[in-house]
């Protein structure tokens, strides 16, 4: 019995790692095809390579996780705790991004799903 289990562990682990890689690829594809275009159009002018208001840069996932002067812009898996989502929802009068007008609801939903 022990030999059978030992033989199945590598098979199971191999499938598990392959599934995790598939999820990571799907997440990267969603970011590039759905999220990055929103950020590029709506955010990069003030939070991109050339300018980082509040110390926040949004053109790379590493910068999003690192955040700016006020800490991380997102909490993976927790949109309700992510400052980026709070800002685009326009929930607080003093914390609304982009500052000139709100994002369309469909774009906010994409960002929420991504986080």
Protein backbone atom coordinates (compact mmCIF):
# COMPACT_ATOMS: atom_id res chain seq x y z
CA UNK A 1 0.00 0.00 0.00
CA UNK A 2 2.80 2.46 0.86
CA UNK A 3 4.47 1.90 -2.50
CA UNK A 4 1.28 2.75 -4.37
CA UNK A 5 0.88 6.01 -2.46
CA UNK A 6 4.50 6.94 -3.01
CA UNK A 7 4.06 6.37 -6.72
CA UNK A 8 0.93 8.56 -6.86
CA UNK A 9 2.42 11.52 -4.99
CA UNK A 10 4.66 12.67 -7.89
CA UNK A 11 1.75 12.34 -10.33
CA UNK A 12 -0.56 14.35 -8.08
CA UNK A 13 2.08 17.00 -7.38
CA UNK A 14 2.91 17.29 -11.06
CA UNK A 15 -0.76 17.88 -11.88
CA UNK A 16 -1.10 20.35 -9.02
CA UNK A 17 1.88 22.40 -10.22
CA UNK A 18 0.59 22.31 -13.80
CA UNK A 19 -2.80 23.56 -12.61
CA UNK A 20 -1.15 26.36 -10.64
CA UNK A 21 0.84 27.36 -13.72
CA UNK A 22 -2.37 27.42 -15.77
CA UNK A 23 -3.99 29.71 -13.20
CA UNK A 24 -0.96 32.02 -13.18
CA UNK A 25 -1.02 32.20 -17.00
CA UNK A 26 -4.74 32.97 -17.00
CA UNK A 27 -4.25 35.70 -14.39
CA UNK A 28 -1.41 37.27 -16.38
CA UNK A 29 -3.50 37.15 -19.56
CA UNK A 30 -6.46 38.79 -17.78
CA UNK A 31 -4.18 41.53 -16.43
CA UNK A 32 -2.64 42.23 -19.84
CA UNK A 33 -5.88 42.09 -21.83
CA UNK A 34 -8.38 43.61 -19.39
CA UNK A 35 -6.66 45.47 -16.55
CA UNK A 36 -3.57 47.06 -18.11
CA UNK A 37 -5.61 48.88 -20.81
CA UNK A 38 -7.79 50.48 -18.11
CA UNK A 39 -4.77 51.51 -16.05
CA UNK A 40 -2.94 52.79 -19.15
CA UNK A 41 -5.89 54.90 -20.29
CA UNK A 42 -7.01 56.17 -16.91
CA UNK A 43 -4.01 56.13 -14.57
CA UNK A 44 -0.58 56.13 -16.21
CA UNK A 45 -0.57 59.89 -16.84
CA UNK A 46 -0.22 60.47 -13.09
CA UNK A 47 0.97 57.01 -11.93
CA UNK A 48 3.20 55.70 -14.70
CA UNK A 49 6.83 55.56 -15.67
CA UNK A 50 7.30 59.34 -16.01
CA UNK A 51 5.27 60.55 -13.04
CA UNK A 52 4.28 58.88 -9.77
CA UNK A 53 1.91 61.08 -7.78
CA UNK A 54 1.86 59.98 -4.17
CA UNK A 55 4.83 57.76 -4.95
CA UNK A 56 2.44 55.32 -6.68
CA UNK A 57 3.28 53.65 -9.97
CA UNK A 58 0.67 51.43 -11.62
CA UNK A 59 2.36 50.20 -14.79
CA UNK A 60 3.69 46.96 -13.27
CA UNK A 61 2.21 44.48 -10.81
CA UNK A 62 5.28 44.74 -8.58
CA UNK A 63 4.71 48.49 -8.19
CA UNK A 64 1.03 47.94 -7.43
CA UNK A 65 1.89 45.52 -4.65
CA UNK A 66 4.63 47.78 -3.27
CA UNK A 67 2.33 50.78 -3.42
CA UNK A 68 3.17 54.39 -2.84
CA UNK A 69 3.49 56.84 0.01
CA UNK A 70 0.45 55.34 1.74
CA UNK A 71 1.38 51.66 1.32
CA UNK A 72 0.23 48.93 -1.08
CA UNK A 73 -2.40 49.85 -3.66
CA UNK A 74 -4.00 46.44 -3.48
CA UNK A 75 -4.49 43.47 -1.23
CA UNK A 76 -4.62 40.40 -3.50
CA UNK A 77 -7.91 38.56 -3.16
CA UNK A 78 -9.42 41.33 -1.04
CA UNK A 79 -10.91 44.12 -3.13
CA UNK A 80 -12.77 45.50 -0.10
CA UNK A 81 -9.40 46.13 1.60
CA UNK A 82 -7.60 47.46 -1.48
CA UNK A 83 -7.02 51.23 -1.64
CA UNK A 84 -7.03 51.10 -5.45
CA UNK A 85 -10.60 49.76 -5.42
CA UNK A 86 -11.67 52.20 -2.73
CA UNK A 87 -10.39 55.08 -4.87
CA UNK A 88 -12.06 54.01 -8.12
CA UNK A 89 -15.37 53.36 -6.34
CA UNK A 90 -15.48 57.04 -5.33
CA UNK A 91 -16.60 56.09 -1.81
CA UNK A 92 -14.74 58.90 -0.01
CA UNK A 93 -14.83 62.53 -1.08
CA UNK A 94 -11.11 63.00 -0.39
CA UNK A 95 -9.96 59.78 -2.08
CA UNK A 96 -11.32 59.50 -5.61
CA UNK A 97 -9.38 58.32 -8.64
CA UNK A 98 -9.21 59.33 -11.37
CA UNK A 99 -9.85 62.77 -9.88
CA UNK A 100 -11.76 64.38 -12.74
CA UNK A 101 -14.53 61.82 -13.23
CA UNK A 102 -15.31 58.27 -12.12
CA UNK A 103 -14.49 55.21 -14.17
CA UNK A 104 -17.41 53.50 -15.89
CA UNK A 105 -18.95 50.80 -13.69
CA UNK A 106 -17.78 48.08 -16.11
CA UNK A 107 -14.15 49.14 -15.67
CA UNK A 108 -14.49 49.23 -11.88
CA UNK A 109 -15.93 45.71 -12.05
CA UNK A 110 -12.91 44.50 -14.06
CA UNK A 111 -10.53 45.94 -11.46
CA UNK A 112 -12.53 44.38 -8.63
CA UNK A 113 -12.50 40.99 -10.34
CA UNK A 114 -8.76 41.24 -10.96
CA UNK A 115 -7.91 42.09 -7.35
